[in-house]
C-alpha atoms as a PDB file:
ATOM      1  CA  MET A   1      14.740   6.158 -11.861  1.00  0.00           C
ATOM      2  CA  THR A   2      12.625   8.651  -9.630  1.00  0.00           C
ATOM      3  CA  ASP A   3      14.533  11.193  -8.382  1.00  0.00           C
ATOM      4  CA  VAL A   4      15.143  10.797  -4.386  1.00  0.00           C
ATOM      5  CA  GLU A   5      12.871  13.828  -3.698  1.00  0.00           C
ATOM      6  CA  THR A   6      10.046  12.673  -5.359  1.00  0.00           C
ATOM      7  CA  LEU A   7      10.157   9.209  -3.136  1.00  0.00           C
ATOM      8  CA  ARG A   8      10.572  11.246   0.005  1.00  0.00           C
ATOM      9  CA  GLU A   9       7.058  12.905  -0.904  1.00  0.00           C
ATOM     10  CA  TRP A  10       5.802   9.978  -1.353  1.00  0.00           C
ATOM     11  CA  ARG A  11       7.041   8.513   1.813  1.00  0.00           C
ATOM     12  CA  ASP A  12       6.449  11.494   3.451  1.00  0.00           C
ATOM     13  CA  LYS A  13       2.709  10.790   2.045  1.00  0.00           C
ATOM     14  CA  LEU A  14       2.209   7.321   3.152  1.00  0.00           C
ATOM     15  CA  ILE A  15       2.827   8.018   6.640  1.00  0.00           C
ATOM     16  CA  ASP A  16       0.209  10.925   7.174  1.00  0.00           C
ATOM     17  CA  ASN A  17      -2.085   8.556   5.307  1.00  0.00           C
ATOM     18  CA  ARG A  18      -0.823   5.993   8.011  1.00  0.00           C
ATOM     19  CA  ALA A  19      -1.150   8.146  10.628  1.00  0.00           C
ATOM     20  CA  SER A  20      -4.556   9.289   9.931  1.00  0.00           C
ATOM     21  CA  GLY A  21      -5.759   5.778   9.775  1.00  0.00           C
ATOM     22  CA  VAL A  22      -6.834   6.578   5.544  1.00  0.00           C
ATOM     23  CA  ARG A  23      -5.635   3.556   3.276  1.00  0.00           C
ATOM     24  CA  GLU A  24      -5.468   4.664  -0.276  1.00  0.00           C
ATOM     25  CA  ALA A  25      -2.695   7.154  -1.687  1.00  0.00           C
ATOM     26  CA  ARG A  26      -2.897   9.070  -4.178  1.00  0.00           C
ATOM     27  CA  PHE A  27       0.352  10.010  -6.028  1.00  0.00           C
ATOM     28  CA  GLY A  28      -0.168  11.653  -9.531  1.00  0.00           C
ATOM     29  CA  ASP A  29      -2.806  10.533 -11.666  1.00  0.00           C
ATOM     30  CA  GLU A  30      -2.874   7.393  -9.428  1.00  0.00           C
ATOM     31  CA  SER A  31      -4.181   6.154  -6.603  1.00  0.00           C
ATOM     32  CA  VAL A  32      -3.142   3.191  -4.523  1.00  0.00           C
ATOM     33  CA  SER A  33      -5.473   0.927  -1.782  1.00  0.00           C
ATOM     34  CA  TYR A  34      -3.588  -0.560   0.858  1.00  0.00           C
ATOM     35  CA  LYS A  35      -5.663  -3.875   2.496  1.00  0.00           C
ATOM     36  CA  SER A  36      -3.911  -3.616   5.670  1.00  0.00           C
ATOM     37  CA  ASP A  37      -2.185  -1.595   7.752  1.00  0.00           C
ATOM     38  CA  GLU A  38       1.304  -4.079   7.410  1.00  0.00           C
ATOM     39  CA  GLU A  39       0.819  -3.420   3.857  1.00  0.00           C
ATOM     40  CA  MET A  40       1.173  -0.104   4.150  1.00  0.00           C
ATOM     41  CA  ALA A  41       4.240  -0.606   6.143  1.00  0.00           C
ATOM     42  CA  MET A  42       5.887  -2.886   3.399  1.00  0.00           C
ATOM     43  CA  ALA A  43       5.125   0.321   0.912  1.00  0.00           C
ATOM     44  CA  ILE A  44       7.313   2.823   3.692  1.00  0.00           C
ATOM     45  CA  ARG A  45       9.910   0.856   3.831  1.00  0.00           C
ATOM     46  CA  ASP A  46      10.341   0.036   0.528  1.00  0.00           C
ATOM     47  CA  LEU A  47      10.244   3.377  -0.350  1.00  0.00           C
ATOM     48  CA  GLU A  48      12.612   4.164   2.707  1.00  0.00           C
ATOM     49  CA  ARG A  49      15.125   1.132   0.664  1.00  0.00           C
ATOM     50  CA  ARG A  50      14.688   3.285  -1.957  1.00  0.00           C
ATOM     51  CA  ILE A  51      15.475   6.357  -0.939  1.00  0.00           C
ATOM     52  CA  ALA A  52      18.671   5.023   1.233  1.00  0.00           C
ATOM     53  CA  ASN A  53      20.257   3.500  -2.763  1.00  0.00           C
ATOM     54  CA  ALA A  54      19.474   6.359  -4.770  1.00  0.00           C
ATOM     55  CA  ALA A  55      21.190   8.535  -1.903  1.00  0.00           C
ATOM     56  CA  ARG A  56      23.963   6.107  -1.658  1.00  0.00           C
ATOM     57  CA  PRO A  57      27.299   7.868  -3.805  1.00  0.00           C
ATOM     58  CA  LYS A  58      28.737   5.974  -6.572  1.00  0.00           C
ATOM     59  CA  VAL A  59      31.432   4.182  -6.148  1.00  0.00           C
ATOM     60  CA  VAL A  60      33.695   4.148  -8.904  1.00  0.00           C
ATOM     61  CA  ARG A  61      36.477   1.412  -9.650  1.00  0.00           C
ATOM     62  CA  THR A  62      39.452   1.267 -11.877  1.00  0.00           C
ATOM     63  CA  VAL A  63      41.769  -1.260 -13.095  1.00  0.00           C
ATOM     64  CA  TYR A  64      44.955  -0.707 -13.980  1.00  0.00           C
ATOM     65  CA  VAL A  65      46.045  -3.119 -16.032  1.00  0.00           C
ATOM     66  CA  ASN A  66      49.963  -3.487 -16.177  1.00  0.00           C
ATOM     67  CA  PRO A  67      51.324  -6.594 -18.660  1.00  0.00           C
ATOM     68  CA  SER A  68      54.055  -8.010 -18.619  1.00  0.00           C
ATOM     69  CA  ARG A  69      55.950 -10.882 -20.350  1.00  0.00           C
ATOM     70  CA  GLY A  70      57.078 -13.927 -18.180  1.00  0.00           C
ATOM     71  CA  THR A  71      60.526 -13.354 -17.427  1.00  0.00           C
END
């Protein structure tokens, strides 16, 4: 899984490209072309969702079992 900081960089780059009207984004060796503004907005929303999920603290639950014989 990609770390939160990298996801934030990708999101910020997409936001900048969208604001300037550029429909293509480069992430390292990869290039992504978007057909419409809506497709780019969906990619930004997806990155924001992934950032929120990655930044959320994990909840650890412990269940204690206390077996007993019925009396």
